[in-house]
């Protein structure tokens, strides 16, 4: 009797693990687009750091991301049960913030190019130890803020997948997704930012013959590709802010969402591309309007203070 009870318990545990695995796979698939944006945005955040500080910065943001998810998972469960409508408004607010950050990043990029590389170097690169430490703190703080918003979207997508499941399965699936996404994203970010080091190591290989030449050549390719990849990720991460933020904003405003779906439905085979483009336009407009509103508010406040 005890033996049969034990095997029945094992069957229940196996069934539970299967359910969690299945729901986690579905949630991961639905979160794939946000995950790719999360990767690009976070890789962009560590661009410009000194080589010996890249991994410590990634580690600091990784720990911040874990804290974000430790806050988001219980909050998402509580909000979903008590006030589900609040989730949509919080995502919209986060989307607007992402759009604003994207607009400021674009403006900063063009401002740097307009002032020239030499002036940009004098203006942007911190020189003293204190300036470097403060620059690093700002980078980490900004990356953790951005991660919070993108993590919220991943958690909400997962919550929608497991909405009909028992509470304990919801909790376990959310924990699995939160940990897997965090380790996956920041593991890849760490690999990307150290790509040039891997290249230098291969270039110094002592292997002989055709294999040695191939290894050193591949190392040279990695060294050459690393700065190009980081610059590309910088732009991809900025554009991703508009796309993700624009999606949050558009899906939070019912008439706007219907208008987008109507245009997409009439676009035939290009529907998916058109949808992404429209979300990007919404994000760019939201970022511009938010920046103008903030500038106007700051001007009024200065005027009132004078």
C-alpha atoms as a PDB file:
ATOM      1  CA  UNK A   1       0.000   0.000   0.000  1.00  0.00           C
ATOM      2  CA  UNK A   2       2.810   2.316   0.988  1.00  0.00           C
ATOM      3  CA  UNK A   3       4.664   1.349  -2.182  1.00  0.00           C
ATOM      4  CA  UNK A   4       1.714   2.156  -4.426  1.00  0.00           C
ATOM      5  CA  UNK A   5       1.248   5.490  -2.656  1.00  0.00           C
ATOM      6  CA  UNK A   6       4.905   6.284  -3.259  1.00  0.00           C
ATOM      7  CA  UNK A   7       4.660   5.497  -6.966  1.00  0.00           C
ATOM      8  CA  UNK A   8       1.431   7.497  -7.207  1.00  0.00           C
ATOM      9  CA  UNK A   9       3.310  10.456  -5.690  1.00  0.00           C
ATOM     10  CA  UNK A  10       6.074  10.036  -8.264  1.00  0.00           C
ATOM     11  CA  UNK A  11       3.464   9.994 -11.038  1.00  0.00           C
ATOM     12  CA  UNK A  12       1.946  13.224  -9.693  1.00  0.00           C
ATOM     13  CA  UNK A  13       5.358  14.879  -9.533  1.00  0.00           C
ATOM     14  CA  UNK A  14       6.183  13.732 -13.086  1.00  0.00           C
ATOM     15  CA  UNK A  15       2.829  15.045 -14.362  1.00  0.00           C
ATOM     16  CA  UNK A  16       3.419  18.357 -12.594  1.00  0.00           C
ATOM     17  CA  UNK A  17       6.895  18.687 -14.115  1.00  0.00           C
ATOM     18  CA  UNK A  18       5.480  17.865 -17.566  1.00  0.00           C
ATOM     19  CA  UNK A  19       2.803  20.539 -17.187  1.00  0.00           C
ATOM     20  CA  UNK A  20       5.316  23.122 -16.017  1.00  0.00           C
ATOM     21  CA  UNK A  21       7.716  22.188 -18.835  1.00  0.00           C
ATOM     22  CA  UNK A  22       4.965  22.494 -21.455  1.00  0.00           C
ATOM     23  CA  UNK A  23       3.704  25.838 -20.145  1.00  0.00           C
ATOM     24  CA  UNK A  24       7.270  27.138 -19.868  1.00  0.00           C
ATOM     25  CA  UNK A  25       7.946  26.219 -23.511  1.00  0.00           C
ATOM     26  CA  UNK A  26       4.771  27.996 -24.648  1.00  0.00           C
ATOM     27  CA  UNK A  27       5.582  31.072 -22.560  1.00  0.00           C
ATOM     28  CA  UNK A  28       9.182  31.136 -23.841  1.00  0.00           C
ATOM     29  CA  UNK A  29       7.956  30.932 -27.448  1.00  0.00           C
ATOM     30  CA  UNK A  30       5.484  33.776 -26.923  1.00  0.00           C
ATOM     31  CA  UNK A  31       8.167  35.841 -25.180  1.00  0.00           C
ATOM     32  CA  UNK A  32      10.772  35.273 -27.907  1.00  0.00           C
ATOM     33  CA  UNK A  33      10.370  38.720 -29.493  1.00  0.00           C
ATOM     34  CA  UNK A  34      10.651  40.489 -26.141  1.00  0.00           C
ATOM     35  CA  UNK A  35      13.602  38.270 -25.240  1.00  0.00           C
ATOM     36  CA  UNK A  36      15.493  39.277 -28.389  1.00  0.00           C
ATOM     37  CA  UNK A  37      14.786  42.934 -27.639  1.00  0.00           C
ATOM     38  CA  UNK A  38      15.917  42.393 -24.044  1.00  0.00           C
ATOM     39  CA  UNK A  39      19.195  40.947 -25.301  1.00  0.00           C
ATOM     40  CA  UNK A  40      19.835  43.805 -27.725  1.00  0.00           C
ATOM     41  CA  UNK A  41      18.919  46.513 -25.226  1.00  0.00           C
ATOM     42  CA  UNK A  42      21.098  45.097 -22.460  1.00  0.00           C
ATOM     43  CA  UNK A  43      24.059  44.533 -24.790  1.00  0.00           C
ATOM     44  CA  UNK A  44      23.674  48.169 -25.848  1.00  0.00           C
ATOM     45  CA  UNK A  45      23.709  49.312 -22.216  1.00  0.00           C
ATOM     46  CA  UNK A  46      27.257  48.017 -21.607  1.00  0.00           C
ATOM     47  CA  UNK A  47      28.607  49.564 -24.815  1.00  0.00           C
ATOM     48  CA  UNK A  48      31.270  52.132 -24.030  1.00  0.00           C
ATOM     49  CA  UNK A  49      32.470  50.545 -20.781  1.00  0.00           C
ATOM     50  CA  UNK A  50      36.166  49.849 -20.210  1.00  0.00           C
ATOM     51  CA  UNK A  51      37.055  46.283 -21.175  1.00  0.00           C
ATOM     52  CA  UNK A  52      37.955  45.251 -17.626  1.00  0.00           C
ATOM     53  CA  UNK A  53      34.628  46.576 -16.294  1.00  0.00           C
ATOM     54  CA  UNK A  54      32.263  44.974 -18.830  1.00  0.00           C
ATOM     55  CA  UNK A  55      31.748  41.692 -16.976  1.00  0.00           C
ATOM     56  CA  UNK A  56      31.360  43.352 -13.535  1.00  0.00           C
ATOM     57  CA  UNK A  57      28.704  45.629 -15.053  1.00  0.00           C
ATOM     58  CA  UNK A  58      26.910  42.662 -16.642  1.00  0.00           C
ATOM     59  CA  UNK A  59      27.041  40.857 -13.283  1.00  0.00           C
ATOM     60  CA  UNK A  60      25.631  43.885 -11.463  1.00  0.00           C
ATOM     61  CA  UNK A  61      22.767  44.201 -13.955  1.00  0.00           C
ATOM     62  CA  UNK A  62      22.170  40.427 -13.760  1.00  0.00           C
ATOM     63  CA  UNK A  63      21.718  40.683  -9.985  1.00  0.00           C
ATOM     64  CA  UNK A  64      19.456  43.687 -10.478  1.00  0.00           C
ATOM     65  CA  UNK A  65      17.412  41.696 -12.993  1.00  0.00           C
ATOM     66  CA  UNK A  66      16.950  38.868 -10.482  1.00  0.00           C
ATOM     67  CA  UNK A  67      15.732  41.411  -7.914  1.00  0.00           C
ATOM     68  CA  UNK A  68      13.363  42.868 -10.521  1.00  0.00           C
ATOM     69  CA  UNK A  69      11.824  39.472 -11.152  1.00  0.00           C
ATOM     70  CA  UNK A  70      11.649  38.713  -7.420  1.00  0.00           C
ATOM     71  CA  UNK A  71       9.454  41.822  -7.184  1.00  0.00           C
ATOM     72  CA  UNK A  72       7.525  41.305 -10.419  1.00  0.00           C
ATOM     73  CA  UNK A  73       6.455  37.674  -9.971  1.00  0.00           C
ATOM     74  CA  UNK A  74       4.501  38.148  -6.713  1.00  0.00           C
ATOM     75  CA  UNK A  75       3.214  41.570  -7.797  1.00  0.00           C
ATOM     76  CA  UNK A  76       1.964  40.146 -11.104  1.00  0.00           C
ATOM     77  CA  UNK A  77       0.151  37.321  -9.305  1.00  0.00           C
ATOM     78  CA  UNK A  78      -1.450  39.723  -6.826  1.00  0.00           C
ATOM     79  CA  UNK A  79      -2.461  42.264  -9.485  1.00  0.00           C
ATOM     80  CA  UNK A  80      -3.853  39.542 -11.726  1.00  0.00           C
ATOM     81  CA  UNK A  81      -6.025  38.294  -8.875  1.00  0.00           C
ATOM     82  CA  UNK A  82      -7.043  41.618  -7.299  1.00  0.00           C
ATOM     83  CA  UNK A  83      -6.875  44.307  -9.994  1.00  0.00           C
ATOM     84  CA  UNK A  84      -6.154  42.811 -13.450  1.00  0.00           C
ATOM     85  CA  UNK A  85      -6.863  46.114 -15.257  1.00  0.00           C
ATOM     86  CA  UNK A  86      -3.888  47.718 -13.480  1.00  0.00           C
ATOM     87  CA  UNK A  87      -1.468  45.427 -15.325  1.00  0.00           C
ATOM     88  CA  UNK A  88      -2.382  47.002 -18.666  1.00  0.00           C
ATOM     89  CA  UNK A  89      -1.924  50.558 -17.383  1.00  0.00           C
ATOM     90  CA  UNK A  90       1.406  49.741 -15.777  1.00  0.00           C
ATOM     91  CA  UNK A  91       2.611  48.196 -19.029  1.00  0.00           C
ATOM     92  CA  UNK A  92       1.508  51.305 -20.921  1.00  0.00           C
ATOM     93  CA  UNK A  93       3.427  53.512 -18.487  1.00  0.00           C
ATOM     94  CA  UNK A  94       6.475  51.287 -18.929  1.00  0.00           C
ATOM     95  CA  UNK A  95       6.042  51.418 -22.696  1.00  0.00           C
ATOM     96  CA  UNK A  96       5.977  55.213 -22.670  1.00  0.00           C
ATOM     97  CA  UNK A  97       9.137  55.220 -20.569  1.00  0.00           C
ATOM     98  CA  UNK A  98      10.866  52.899 -23.059  1.00  0.00           C
ATOM     99  CA  UNK A  99       9.802  55.126 -25.974  1.00  0.00           C
ATOM    100  CA  UNK A 100      11.148  58.186 -24.188  1.00  0.00           C
ATOM    101  CA  UNK A 101      14.452  56.428 -23.472  1.00  0.00           C
ATOM    102  CA  UNK A 102      14.643  55.394 -27.129  1.00  0.00           C
ATOM    103  CA  UNK A 103      14.036  58.968 -28.292  1.00  0.00           C
ATOM    104  CA  UNK A 104      16.710  60.311 -25.942  1.00  0.00           C
ATOM    105  CA  UNK A 105      19.153  57.624 -27.113  1.00  0.00           C
ATOM    106  CA  UNK A 106      18.557  58.501 -30.783  1.00  0.00           C
ATOM    107  CA  UNK A 107      18.969  62.192 -30.044  1.00  0.00           C
ATOM    108  CA  UNK A 108      22.191  61.491 -28.169  1.00  0.00           C
ATOM    109  CA  UNK A 109      23.589  59.358 -31.005  1.00  0.00           C
ATOM    110  CA  UNK A 110      22.950  62.033 -33.640  1.00  0.00           C
ATOM    111  CA  UNK A 111      24.242  64.723 -31.301  1.00  0.00           C
ATOM    112  CA  UNK A 112      27.518  62.839 -30.911  1.00  0.00           C
ATOM    113  CA  UNK A 113      27.908  62.389 -34.665  1.00  0.00           C
ATOM    114  CA  UNK A 114      27.115  66.057 -35.235  1.00  0.00           C
ATOM    115  CA  UNK A 115      29.835  67.205 -32.856  1.00  0.00           C
ATOM    116  CA  UNK A 116      32.449  64.900 -34.383  1.00  0.00           C
ATOM    117  CA  UNK A 117      34.463  62.059 -32.929  1.00  0.00           C
ATOM    118  CA  UNK A 118      37.127  64.243 -31.295  1.00  0.00           C
ATOM    119  CA  UNK A 119      34.655  66.463 -29.475  1.00  0.00           C
ATOM    120  CA  UNK A 120      32.574  63.447 -28.571  1.00  0.00           C
ATOM    121  CA  UNK A 121      35.606  61.848 -26.947  1.00  0.00           C
ATOM    122  CA  UNK A 122      36.309  64.973 -24.903  1.00  0.00           C
ATOM    123  CA  UNK A 123      32.677  65.330 -23.945  1.00  0.00           C
ATOM    124  CA  UNK A 124      31.600  61.802 -23.126  1.00  0.00           C
ATOM    125  CA  UNK A 125      34.508  59.698 -21.879  1.00  0.00           C
ATOM    126  CA  UNK A 126      35.018  60.090 -18.101  1.00  0.00           C
ATOM    127  CA  UNK A 127      38.641  60.556 -17.047  1.00  0.00           C
ATOM    128  CA  UNK A 128      38.950  60.501 -13.250  1.00  0.00           C
ATOM    129  CA  UNK A 129      38.277  57.452 -11.101  1.00  0.00           C
ATOM    130  CA  UNK A 130      35.263  59.179  -9.566  1.00  0.00           C
ATOM    131  CA  UNK A 131      33.831  60.066 -12.976  1.00  0.00           C
ATOM    132  CA  UNK A 132      34.311  56.502 -14.209  1.00  0.00           C
ATOM    133  CA  UNK A 133      32.604  55.090 -11.118  1.00  0.00           C
ATOM    134  CA  UNK A 134      29.675  57.498 -11.499  1.00  0.00           C
ATOM    135  CA  UNK A 135      29.383  56.711 -15.221  1.00  0.00           C
ATOM    136  CA  UNK A 136      29.297  53.008 -14.401  1.00  0.00           C
ATOM    137  CA  UNK A 137      26.636  53.495 -11.723  1.00  0.00           C
ATOM    138  CA  UNK A 138      24.454  55.435 -14.176  1.00  0.00           C
ATOM    139  CA  UNK A 139      24.828  52.717 -16.790  1.00  0.00           C
ATOM    140  CA  UNK A 140      23.893  49.977 -14.308  1.00  0.00           C
ATOM    141  CA  UNK A 141      20.949  51.953 -12.951  1.00  0.00           C
ATOM    142  CA  UNK A 142      19.626  52.662 -16.450  1.00  0.00           C
ATOM    143  CA  UNK A 143      20.048  49.042 -17.526  1.00  0.00           C
ATOM    144  CA  UNK A 144      18.186  47.757 -14.458  1.00  0.00           C
ATOM    145  CA  UNK A 145      15.325  50.204 -15.070  1.00  0.00           C
ATOM    146  CA  UNK A 146      15.018  49.068 -18.679  1.00  0.00           C
ATOM    147  CA  UNK A 147      15.250  45.420 -17.615  1.00  0.00           C
ATOM    148  CA  UNK A 148      12.385  45.972 -15.174  1.00  0.00           C
ATOM    149  CA  UNK A 149      10.028  47.014 -17.971  1.00  0.00           C
ATOM    150  CA  UNK A 150      11.063  44.249 -20.375  1.00  0.00           C
ATOM    151  CA  UNK A 151      10.914  41.685 -17.556  1.00  0.00           C
ATOM    152  CA  UNK A 152       7.406  42.883 -16.702  1.00  0.00           C
ATOM    153  CA  UNK A 153       6.285  42.132 -20.253  1.00  0.00           C
ATOM    154  CA  UNK A 154       7.811  38.636 -20.108  1.00  0.00           C
ATOM    155  CA  UNK A 155       6.142  37.956 -16.758  1.00  0.00           C
ATOM    156  CA  UNK A 156       2.758  39.190 -18.005  1.00  0.00           C
ATOM    157  CA  UNK A 157       2.999  37.055 -21.174  1.00  0.00           C
ATOM    158  CA  UNK A 158       3.813  34.030 -19.018  1.00  0.00           C
ATOM    159  CA  UNK A 159       0.970  34.844 -16.646  1.00  0.00           C
ATOM    160  CA  UNK A 160      -1.474  34.891 -19.561  1.00  0.00           C
ATOM    161  CA  UNK A 161      -0.246  31.457 -20.651  1.00  0.00           C
ATOM    162  CA  UNK A 162      -0.774  29.929 -17.196  1.00  0.00           C
ATOM    163  CA  UNK A 163      -3.890  31.920 -16.283  1.00  0.00           C
ATOM    164  CA  UNK A 164      -6.139  28.825 -16.191  1.00  0.00           C
ATOM    165  CA  UNK A 165      -3.642  26.639 -14.317  1.00  0.00           C
ATOM    166  CA  UNK A 166      -3.706  26.061 -10.541  1.00  0.00           C
ATOM    167  CA  UNK A 167      -1.920  28.712  -8.479  1.00  0.00           C
ATOM    168  CA  UNK A 168       1.051  26.511  -7.578  1.00  0.00           C
ATOM    169  CA  UNK A 169       1.673  25.759 -11.279  1.00  0.00           C
ATOM    170  CA  UNK A 170       1.464  29.468 -12.083  1.00  0.00           C
ATOM    171  CA  UNK A 171       4.060  30.247  -9.427  1.00  0.00           C
ATOM    172  CA  UNK A 172       6.453  27.468 -10.458  1.00  0.00           C
ATOM    173  CA  UNK A 173       6.180  28.313 -14.174  1.00  0.00           C
ATOM    174  CA  UNK A 174       6.791  32.013 -13.509  1.00  0.00           C
ATOM    175  CA  UNK A 175       9.869  31.161 -11.444  1.00  0.00           C
ATOM    176  CA  UNK A 176      11.224  28.838 -14.156  1.00  0.00           C
ATOM    177  CA  UNK A 177      10.713  31.444 -16.890  1.00  0.00           C
ATOM    178  CA  UNK A 178      12.157  34.265 -14.762  1.00  0.00           C
ATOM    179  CA  UNK A 179      15.334  32.328 -13.971  1.00  0.00           C
ATOM    180  CA  UNK A 180      15.781  30.852 -17.466  1.00  0.00           C
ATOM    181  CA  UNK A 181      15.291  34.199 -19.215  1.00  0.00           C
ATOM    182  CA  UNK A 182      17.636  36.045 -16.853  1.00  0.00           C
ATOM    183  CA  UNK A 183      20.445  33.487 -17.082  1.00  0.00           C
ATOM    184  CA  UNK A 184      19.991  33.151 -20.850  1.00  0.00           C
ATOM    185  CA  UNK A 185      19.959  36.884 -21.632  1.00  0.00           C
ATOM    186  CA  UNK A 186      22.866  37.905 -19.422  1.00  0.00           C
ATOM    187  CA  UNK A 187      24.903  34.833 -20.327  1.00  0.00           C
ATOM    188  CA  UNK A 188      24.623  35.857 -23.982  1.00  0.00           C
ATOM    189  CA  UNK A 189      25.352  39.506 -23.139  1.00  0.00           C
ATOM    190  CA  UNK A 190      28.502  38.457 -21.270  1.00  0.00           C
ATOM    191  CA  UNK A 191      29.578  36.359 -24.255  1.00  0.00           C
ATOM    192  CA  UNK A 192      28.951  39.202 -26.707  1.00  0.00           C
ATOM    193  CA  UNK A 193      30.890  41.834 -24.762  1.00  0.00           C
ATOM    194  CA  UNK A 194      33.886  39.503 -24.390  1.00  0.00           C
ATOM    195  CA  UNK A 195      33.903  38.439 -28.025  1.00  0.00           C
ATOM    196  CA  UNK A 196      37.016  40.489 -28.758  1.00  0.00           C
ATOM    197  CA  UNK A 197      38.927  38.795 -25.922  1.00  0.00           C
ATOM    198  CA  UNK A 198      38.076  35.409 -27.385  1.00  0.00           C
ATOM    199  CA  UNK A 199      39.369  36.662 -30.727  1.00  0.00           C
ATOM    200  CA  UNK A 200      42.663  37.888 -29.237  1.00  0.00           C
ATOM    201  CA  UNK A 201      43.127  34.534 -27.510  1.00  0.00           C
ATOM    202  CA  UNK A 202      42.690  32.705 -30.823  1.00  0.00           C
ATOM    203  CA  UNK A 203      45.050  35.102 -32.618  1.00  0.00           C
ATOM    204  CA  UNK A 204      47.760  34.197 -30.082  1.00  0.00           C
ATOM    205  CA  UNK A 205      47.238  30.462 -30.649  1.00  0.00           C
ATOM    206  CA  UNK A 206      50.458  28.483 -31.014  1.00  0.00           C
ATOM    207  CA  UNK A 207      48.813  25.785 -33.139  1.00  0.00           C
ATOM    208  CA  UNK A 208      50.777  24.908 -36.265  1.00  0.00           C
ATOM    209  CA  UNK A 209      49.912  24.026 -39.823  1.00  0.00           C
ATOM    210  CA  UNK A 210      46.643  24.646 -41.624  1.00  0.00           C
ATOM    211  CA  UNK A 211      44.632  24.290 -38.407  1.00  0.00           C
ATOM    212  CA  UNK A 212      46.723  26.937 -36.648  1.00  0.00           C
ATOM    213  CA  UNK A 213      46.364  29.377 -39.547  1.00  0.00           C
ATOM    214  CA  UNK A 214      42.595  28.782 -39.595  1.00  0.00           C
ATOM    215  CA  UNK A 215      42.318  29.381 -35.832  1.00  0.00           C
ATOM    216  CA  UNK A 216      44.311  32.620 -35.987  1.00  0.00           C
ATOM    217  CA  UNK A 217      42.350  33.817 -39.006  1.00  0.00           C
ATOM    218  CA  UNK A 218      39.085  33.141 -37.201  1.00  0.00           C
ATOM    219  CA  UNK A 219      40.434  35.075 -34.211  1.00  0.00           C
ATOM    220  CA  UNK A 220      41.172  38.047 -36.457  1.00  0.00           C
ATOM    221  CA  UNK A 221      37.612  37.871 -37.789  1.00  0.00           C
ATOM    222  CA  UNK A 222      36.222  37.917 -34.237  1.00  0.00           C
ATOM    223  CA  UNK A 223      38.400  40.888 -33.259  1.00  0.00           C
ATOM    224  CA  UNK A 224      37.268  42.814 -36.354  1.00  0.00           C
ATOM    225  CA  UNK A 225      33.615  41.821 -35.907  1.00  0.00           C
ATOM    226  CA  UNK A 226      33.334  42.688 -32.196  1.00  0.00           C
ATOM    227  CA  UNK A 227      33.146  46.511 -32.513  1.00  0.00           C
ATOM    228  CA  UNK A 228      30.835  46.245 -35.536  1.00  0.00           C
ATOM    229  CA  UNK A 229      28.542  43.890 -33.631  1.00  0.00           C
ATOM    230  CA  UNK A 230      28.480  46.133 -30.556  1.00  0.00           C
ATOM    231  CA  UNK A 231      27.670  49.184 -32.657  1.00  0.00           C
ATOM    232  CA  UNK A 232      24.918  47.264 -34.450  1.00  0.00           C
ATOM    233  CA  UNK A 233      23.494  46.047 -31.139  1.00  0.00           C
ATOM    234  CA  UNK A 234      23.555  49.620 -29.870  1.00  0.00           C
ATOM    235  CA  UNK A 235      21.230  50.666 -32.699  1.00  0.00           C
ATOM    236  CA  UNK A 236      19.149  47.484 -32.514  1.00  0.00           C
ATOM    237  CA  UNK A 237      18.676  47.987 -28.781  1.00  0.00           C
ATOM    238  CA  UNK A 238      17.538  51.568 -29.298  1.00  0.00           C
ATOM    239  CA  UNK A 239      15.084  50.589 -32.046  1.00  0.00           C
ATOM    240  CA  UNK A 240      13.861  47.738 -29.851  1.00  0.00           C
ATOM    241  CA  UNK A 241      12.831  50.300 -27.233  1.00  0.00           C
ATOM    242  CA  UNK A 242      10.488  51.890 -29.784  1.00  0.00           C
ATOM    243  CA  UNK A 243       9.122  48.533 -30.936  1.00  0.00           C
ATOM    244  CA  UNK A 244       8.448  47.129 -27.458  1.00  0.00           C
ATOM    245  CA  UNK A 245       7.260  50.448 -26.046  1.00  0.00           C
ATOM    246  CA  UNK A 246       5.075  51.091 -29.086  1.00  0.00           C
ATOM    247  CA  UNK A 247       3.534  47.630 -28.697  1.00  0.00           C
ATOM    248  CA  UNK A 248       2.657  48.340 -25.044  1.00  0.00           C
ATOM    249  CA  UNK A 249       1.123  51.706 -25.942  1.00  0.00           C
ATOM    250  CA  UNK A 250      -0.811  50.488 -28.989  1.00  0.00           C
ATOM    251  CA  UNK A 251      -2.193  47.404 -27.248  1.00  0.00           C
ATOM    252  CA  UNK A 252      -3.251  49.529 -24.288  1.00  0.00           C
ATOM    253  CA  UNK A 253      -5.375  51.886 -26.426  1.00  0.00           C
ATOM    254  CA  UNK A 254      -8.214  49.832 -27.909  1.00  0.00           C
ATOM    255  CA  UNK A 255      -9.073  52.119 -30.914  1.00  0.00           C
ATOM    256  CA  UNK A 256      -5.412  52.357 -31.840  1.00  0.00           C
ATOM    257  CA  UNK A 257      -4.959  48.602 -31.556  1.00  0.00           C
ATOM    258  CA  UNK A 258      -8.010  48.029 -33.799  1.00  0.00           C
ATOM    259  CA  UNK A 259      -6.665  50.518 -36.343  1.00  0.00           C
ATOM    260  CA  UNK A 260      -3.326  48.681 -36.436  1.00  0.00           C
ATOM    261  CA  UNK A 261      -5.044  45.296 -36.820  1.00  0.00           C
ATOM    262  CA  UNK A 262      -7.181  46.663 -39.660  1.00  0.00           C
ATOM    263  CA  UNK A 263      -4.150  47.900 -41.575  1.00  0.00           C
ATOM    264  CA  UNK A 264      -2.334  44.624 -40.930  1.00  0.00           C
ATOM    265  CA  UNK A 265      -5.317  42.575 -42.160  1.00  0.00           C
ATOM    266  CA  UNK A 266      -5.282  44.516 -45.432  1.00  0.00           C
ATOM    267  CA  UNK A 267      -1.527  44.054 -45.917  1.00  0.00           C
ATOM    268  CA  UNK A 268      -1.659  40.398 -46.957  1.00  0.00           C
ATOM    269  CA  UNK A 269       1.660  38.595 -46.794  1.00  0.00           C
ATOM    270  CA  UNK A 270       3.359  41.736 -45.506  1.00  0.00           C
ATOM    271  CA  UNK A 271       1.111  41.877 -42.457  1.00  0.00           C
ATOM    272  CA  UNK A 272       3.772  40.902 -39.927  1.00  0.00           C
ATOM    273  CA  UNK A 273       6.255  43.450 -41.289  1.00  0.00           C
ATOM    274  CA  UNK A 274       3.613  46.183 -41.394  1.00  0.00           C
ATOM    275  CA  UNK A 275       2.584  45.412 -37.813  1.00  0.00           C
ATOM    276  CA  UNK A 276       6.135  45.749 -36.532  1.00  0.00           C
ATOM    277  CA  UNK A 277       6.576  48.964 -38.506  1.00  0.00           C
ATOM    278  CA  UNK A 278       3.368  50.475 -37.144  1.00  0.00           C
ATOM    279  CA  UNK A 279       4.338  49.606 -33.581  1.00  0.00           C
ATOM    280  CA  UNK A 280       7.701  51.260 -34.221  1.00  0.00           C
ATOM    281  CA  UNK A 281       5.980  54.419 -35.525  1.00  0.00           C
ATOM    282  CA  UNK A 282       3.684  54.487 -32.486  1.00  0.00           C
ATOM    283  CA  UNK A 283       6.736  54.087 -30.251  1.00  0.00           C
ATOM    284  CA  UNK A 284       8.664  56.879 -31.992  1.00  0.00           C
ATOM    285  CA  UNK A 285       5.672  59.249 -31.747  1.00  0.00           C
ATOM    286  CA  UNK A 286       5.097  58.349 -28.105  1.00  0.00           C
ATOM    287  CA  UNK A 287       8.779  58.990 -27.330  1.00  0.00           C
ATOM    288  CA  UNK A 288       8.751  62.357 -29.127  1.00  0.00           C
ATOM    289  CA  UNK A 289       5.520  63.515 -27.471  1.00  0.00           C
ATOM    290  CA  UNK A 290       6.781  62.434 -24.040  1.00  0.00           C
ATOM    291  CA  UNK A 291      10.091  64.246 -24.551  1.00  0.00           C
ATOM    292  CA  UNK A 292       8.278  67.421 -25.625  1.00  0.00           C
ATOM    293  CA  UNK A 293       5.933  67.175 -22.630  1.00  0.00           C
ATOM    294  CA  UNK A 294       8.833  66.714 -20.208  1.00  0.00           C
ATOM    295  CA  UNK A 295      10.740  69.624 -21.771  1.00  0.00           C
ATOM    296  CA  UNK A 296       7.633  71.800 -21.550  1.00  0.00           C
ATOM    297  CA  UNK A 297       7.070  70.872 -17.929  1.00  0.00           C
ATOM    298  CA  UNK A 298      10.711  71.614 -17.094  1.00  0.00           C
ATOM    299  CA  UNK A 299      10.466  75.007 -18.849  1.00  0.00           C
ATOM    300  CA  UNK A 300       7.299  75.909 -16.928  1.00  0.00           C
ATOM    301  CA  UNK A 301       8.895  74.868 -13.645  1.00  0.00           C
ATOM    302  CA  UNK A 302      12.001  76.974 -14.335  1.00  0.00           C
ATOM    303  CA  UNK A 303       9.806  79.888 -15.336  1.00  0.00           C
ATOM    304  CA  UNK A 304       7.792  79.594 -12.129  1.00  0.00           C
ATOM    305  CA  UNK A 305      10.965  79.377 -10.043  1.00  0.00           C
ATOM    306  CA  UNK A 306      12.529  82.503 -11.583  1.00  0.00           C
END
